[in-house]
Every structure is written in C-alpha cells, then in structure tokens.
Amino acid sequence: MPRKAKEWTVQEAGLDIKELLEAVRSNGPQKIVDPVRGVFLVSQVDSGQKPSIVDFLVNGHIDE
C-alpha cells in the first residue's frame, strides 16, 4: 500500500521510486524536496487513447 504523504525527500524518492509512482497514481501529485535544487512536482498525466495494434499491423505505423 503506498504511503499517503505528499512530500518526499530526494533520498526517500530515490530509494523507492515504485512507491512514489504508486502514491502519485493513488493519491495525486507528490512533491520531492531537494534543499539544493528546489521542489519537484511528480504527477500522472493520461496519455490519451492507446495506439491500435490493428492500425500498426495493417499500415505499418500508427496514425496520430
């Protein structure tokens, strides 16, 4: 189960990237705080409709 915290240190994020990504998916955007470089926001973006394998096989490419 992913943690519910919305803020991570660089060390925490680096040690368990899978947990960070699961927290983003389950709980929304997460912050990674780096005291030197600043704050990074990690969020999930829907990539839209998945390409059709049929289009790829028939046309040899996927039309976007």
N, C-alpha and C. Protein backbone atom coordinates (compact mmCIF):
# COMPACT_ATOMS: atom_id res chain seq x y z
N MET A 1 0.85 -1.18 0.00
CA MET A 1 0.00 0.00 0.00
C MET A 1 0.89 1.24 0.00
N PRO A 2 0.67 2.17 -0.92
CA PRO A 2 1.52 3.35 -0.98
C PRO A 2 1.28 4.27 0.21
N ARG A 3 2.30 4.98 0.60
CA ARG A 3 2.12 5.93 1.69
C ARG A 3 1.30 7.12 1.21
N LYS A 4 0.68 7.80 2.13
CA LYS A 4 -0.21 8.90 1.77
C LYS A 4 0.48 10.26 1.80
N ALA A 5 1.71 10.31 2.27
CA ALA A 5 2.42 11.59 2.34
C ALA A 5 2.51 12.20 0.95
N LYS A 6 2.44 13.49 0.90
CA LYS A 6 2.52 14.18 -0.39
C LYS A 6 3.88 14.84 -0.57
N GLU A 7 4.79 14.67 0.40
CA GLU A 7 6.11 15.28 0.30
C GLU A 7 7.18 14.24 0.60
N TRP A 8 8.20 14.18 -0.25
CA TRP A 8 9.27 13.21 -0.15
C TRP A 8 10.61 13.94 -0.15
N THR A 9 11.59 13.37 0.52
CA THR A 9 12.95 13.86 0.36
C THR A 9 13.52 13.19 -0.88
N VAL A 10 14.62 13.73 -1.38
CA VAL A 10 15.28 13.12 -2.54
C VAL A 10 15.69 11.68 -2.20
N GLN A 11 16.19 11.49 -1.01
CA GLN A 11 16.63 10.16 -0.59
C GLN A 11 15.47 9.17 -0.56
N GLU A 12 14.33 9.58 0.00
CA GLU A 12 13.16 8.70 0.05
C GLU A 12 12.68 8.34 -1.35
N ALA A 13 12.59 9.33 -2.22
CA ALA A 13 12.12 9.09 -3.59
C ALA A 13 13.08 8.17 -4.33
N GLY A 14 14.37 8.38 -4.13
CA GLY A 14 15.37 7.57 -4.82
C GLY A 14 15.40 6.13 -4.33
N LEU A 15 15.13 5.93 -3.06
CA LEU A 15 15.16 4.58 -2.51
C LEU A 15 13.96 3.75 -2.94
N ASP A 16 12.82 4.39 -3.16
CA ASP A 16 11.63 3.61 -3.50
C ASP A 16 10.80 4.32 -4.56
N ILE A 17 11.32 4.38 -5.77
CA ILE A 17 10.64 5.06 -6.88
C ILE A 17 9.29 4.40 -7.18
N LYS A 18 9.21 3.08 -7.04
CA LYS A 18 7.94 2.40 -7.29
C LYS A 18 6.86 2.86 -6.32
N GLU A 19 7.24 3.03 -5.06
CA GLU A 19 6.27 3.51 -4.05
C GLU A 19 5.85 4.95 -4.37
N LEU A 20 6.81 5.77 -4.79
CA LEU A 20 6.50 7.15 -5.16
C LEU A 20 5.49 7.17 -6.31
N LEU A 21 5.74 6.40 -7.36
CA LEU A 21 4.83 6.38 -8.50
C LEU A 21 3.46 5.83 -8.14
N GLU A 22 3.41 4.85 -7.26
CA GLU A 22 2.12 4.32 -6.81
C GLU A 22 1.37 5.36 -5.98
N ALA A 23 2.10 6.13 -5.17
CA ALA A 23 1.47 7.20 -4.40
C ALA A 23 0.89 8.26 -5.33
N VAL A 24 1.60 8.57 -6.40
CA VAL A 24 1.09 9.53 -7.39
C VAL A 24 -0.19 9.00 -8.00
N ARG A 25 -0.18 7.74 -8.40
CA ARG A 25 -1.36 7.14 -9.02
C ARG A 25 -2.54 7.09 -8.06
N SER A 26 -2.29 6.74 -6.82
CA SER A 26 -3.36 6.56 -5.84
C SER A 26 -3.81 7.84 -5.16
N ASN A 27 -2.86 8.75 -4.89
CA ASN A 27 -3.15 9.90 -4.03
C ASN A 27 -2.96 11.25 -4.70
N GLY A 28 -2.56 11.26 -5.95
CA GLY A 28 -2.37 12.53 -6.65
C GLY A 28 -0.93 13.00 -6.60
N PRO A 29 -0.70 14.23 -7.05
CA PRO A 29 0.66 14.76 -7.16
C PRO A 29 1.45 14.66 -5.86
N GLN A 30 2.75 14.42 -6.01
CA GLN A 30 3.66 14.30 -4.88
C GLN A 30 4.82 15.27 -5.09
N LYS A 31 5.33 15.84 -3.99
CA LYS A 31 6.48 16.75 -4.06
C LYS A 31 7.74 16.01 -3.64
N ILE A 32 8.82 16.28 -4.36
CA ILE A 32 10.15 15.83 -3.95
C ILE A 32 10.92 17.10 -3.62
N VAL A 33 11.38 17.20 -2.38
CA VAL A 33 12.07 18.40 -1.92
C VAL A 33 13.57 18.15 -1.90
N ASP A 34 14.28 18.96 -2.67
CA ASP A 34 15.74 18.92 -2.72
C ASP A 34 16.22 20.26 -2.19
N PRO A 35 16.93 20.28 -1.06
CA PRO A 35 17.34 21.55 -0.46
C PRO A 35 18.26 22.38 -1.36
N VAL A 36 18.92 21.77 -2.32
CA VAL A 36 19.83 22.48 -3.20
C VAL A 36 19.14 22.92 -4.49
N ARG A 37 18.38 22.01 -5.10
CA ARG A 37 17.79 22.27 -6.42
C ARG A 37 16.35 22.76 -6.39
N GLY A 38 15.68 22.64 -5.28
CA GLY A 38 14.31 23.12 -5.19
C GLY A 38 13.30 22.00 -5.03
N VAL A 39 12.06 22.30 -5.38
CA VAL A 39 10.95 21.37 -5.22
C VAL A 39 10.51 20.87 -6.59
N PHE A 40 10.31 19.58 -6.70
CA PHE A 40 9.85 18.96 -7.94
C PHE A 40 8.48 18.35 -7.69
N LEU A 41 7.58 18.54 -8.62
CA LEU A 41 6.23 18.00 -8.50
C LEU A 41 6.10 16.83 -9.47
N VAL A 42 5.70 15.67 -8.94
CA VAL A 42 5.51 14.48 -9.76
C VAL A 42 4.02 14.23 -9.86
N SER A 43 3.50 14.18 -11.09
CA SER A 43 2.08 13.93 -11.29
C SER A 43 1.88 12.98 -12.46
N GLN A 44 0.71 12.43 -12.54
CA GLN A 44 0.36 11.49 -13.59
C GLN A 44 -0.47 12.21 -14.64
N VAL A 45 -0.14 11.97 -15.90
CA VAL A 45 -0.88 12.56 -17.00
C VAL A 45 -1.41 11.43 -17.86
N ASP A 46 -2.70 11.48 -18.16
CA ASP A 46 -3.28 10.47 -19.02
C ASP A 46 -2.71 10.63 -20.42
N SER A 47 -2.15 9.57 -20.95
CA SER A 47 -1.52 9.65 -22.27
C SER A 47 -2.53 9.57 -23.39
N GLY A 48 -3.80 9.54 -23.06
CA GLY A 48 -4.83 9.50 -24.09
C GLY A 48 -5.11 8.09 -24.56
N GLN A 49 -5.70 8.00 -25.73
CA GLN A 49 -6.08 6.71 -26.28
C GLN A 49 -4.85 5.90 -26.64
N LYS A 50 -4.88 4.64 -26.31
CA LYS A 50 -3.76 3.76 -26.64
C LYS A 50 -3.76 3.46 -28.14
N PRO A 51 -2.58 3.37 -28.74
CA PRO A 51 -2.50 3.06 -30.17
C PRO A 51 -3.10 1.69 -30.48
N SER A 52 -3.64 1.57 -31.65
CA SER A 52 -4.26 0.31 -32.08
C SER A 52 -3.22 -0.59 -32.73
N ILE A 53 -3.12 -1.81 -32.24
CA ILE A 53 -2.21 -2.78 -32.85
C ILE A 53 -2.68 -3.14 -34.25
N VAL A 54 -3.99 -3.09 -34.48
CA VAL A 54 -4.53 -3.37 -35.81
C VAL A 54 -4.02 -2.33 -36.81
N ASP A 55 -4.09 -1.05 -36.44
CA ASP A 55 -3.57 0.00 -37.32
C ASP A 55 -2.09 -0.22 -37.62
N PHE A 56 -1.34 -0.58 -36.60
CA PHE A 56 0.08 -0.81 -36.79
C PHE A 56 0.33 -1.97 -37.75
N LEU A 57 -0.38 -3.07 -37.55
CA LEU A 57 -0.17 -4.25 -38.39
C LEU A 57 -0.64 -4.02 -39.84
N VAL A 58 -1.75 -3.30 -40.01
CA VAL A 58 -2.28 -3.07 -41.35
C VAL A 58 -1.47 -2.00 -42.09
N ASN A 59 -1.14 -0.89 -41.40
CA ASN A 59 -0.50 0.25 -42.06
C ASN A 59 1.02 0.29 -41.88
N GLY A 60 1.52 -0.49 -40.98
CA GLY A 60 2.95 -0.46 -40.71
C GLY A 60 3.35 0.70 -39.80
N HIS A 61 2.37 1.48 -39.35
CA HIS A 61 2.63 2.60 -38.42
C HIS A 61 1.31 2.95 -37.74
N ILE A 62 1.41 3.81 -36.76
CA ILE A 62 0.23 4.25 -36.04
C ILE A 62 -0.01 5.71 -36.38
N ASP A 63 -1.21 6.01 -36.89
CA ASP A 63 -1.57 7.39 -37.21
C ASP A 63 -1.95 8.11 -35.93
N GLU A 64 -1.39 9.28 -35.73
CA GLU A 64 -1.70 10.09 -34.54
C GLU A 64 -2.66 11.17 -34.92
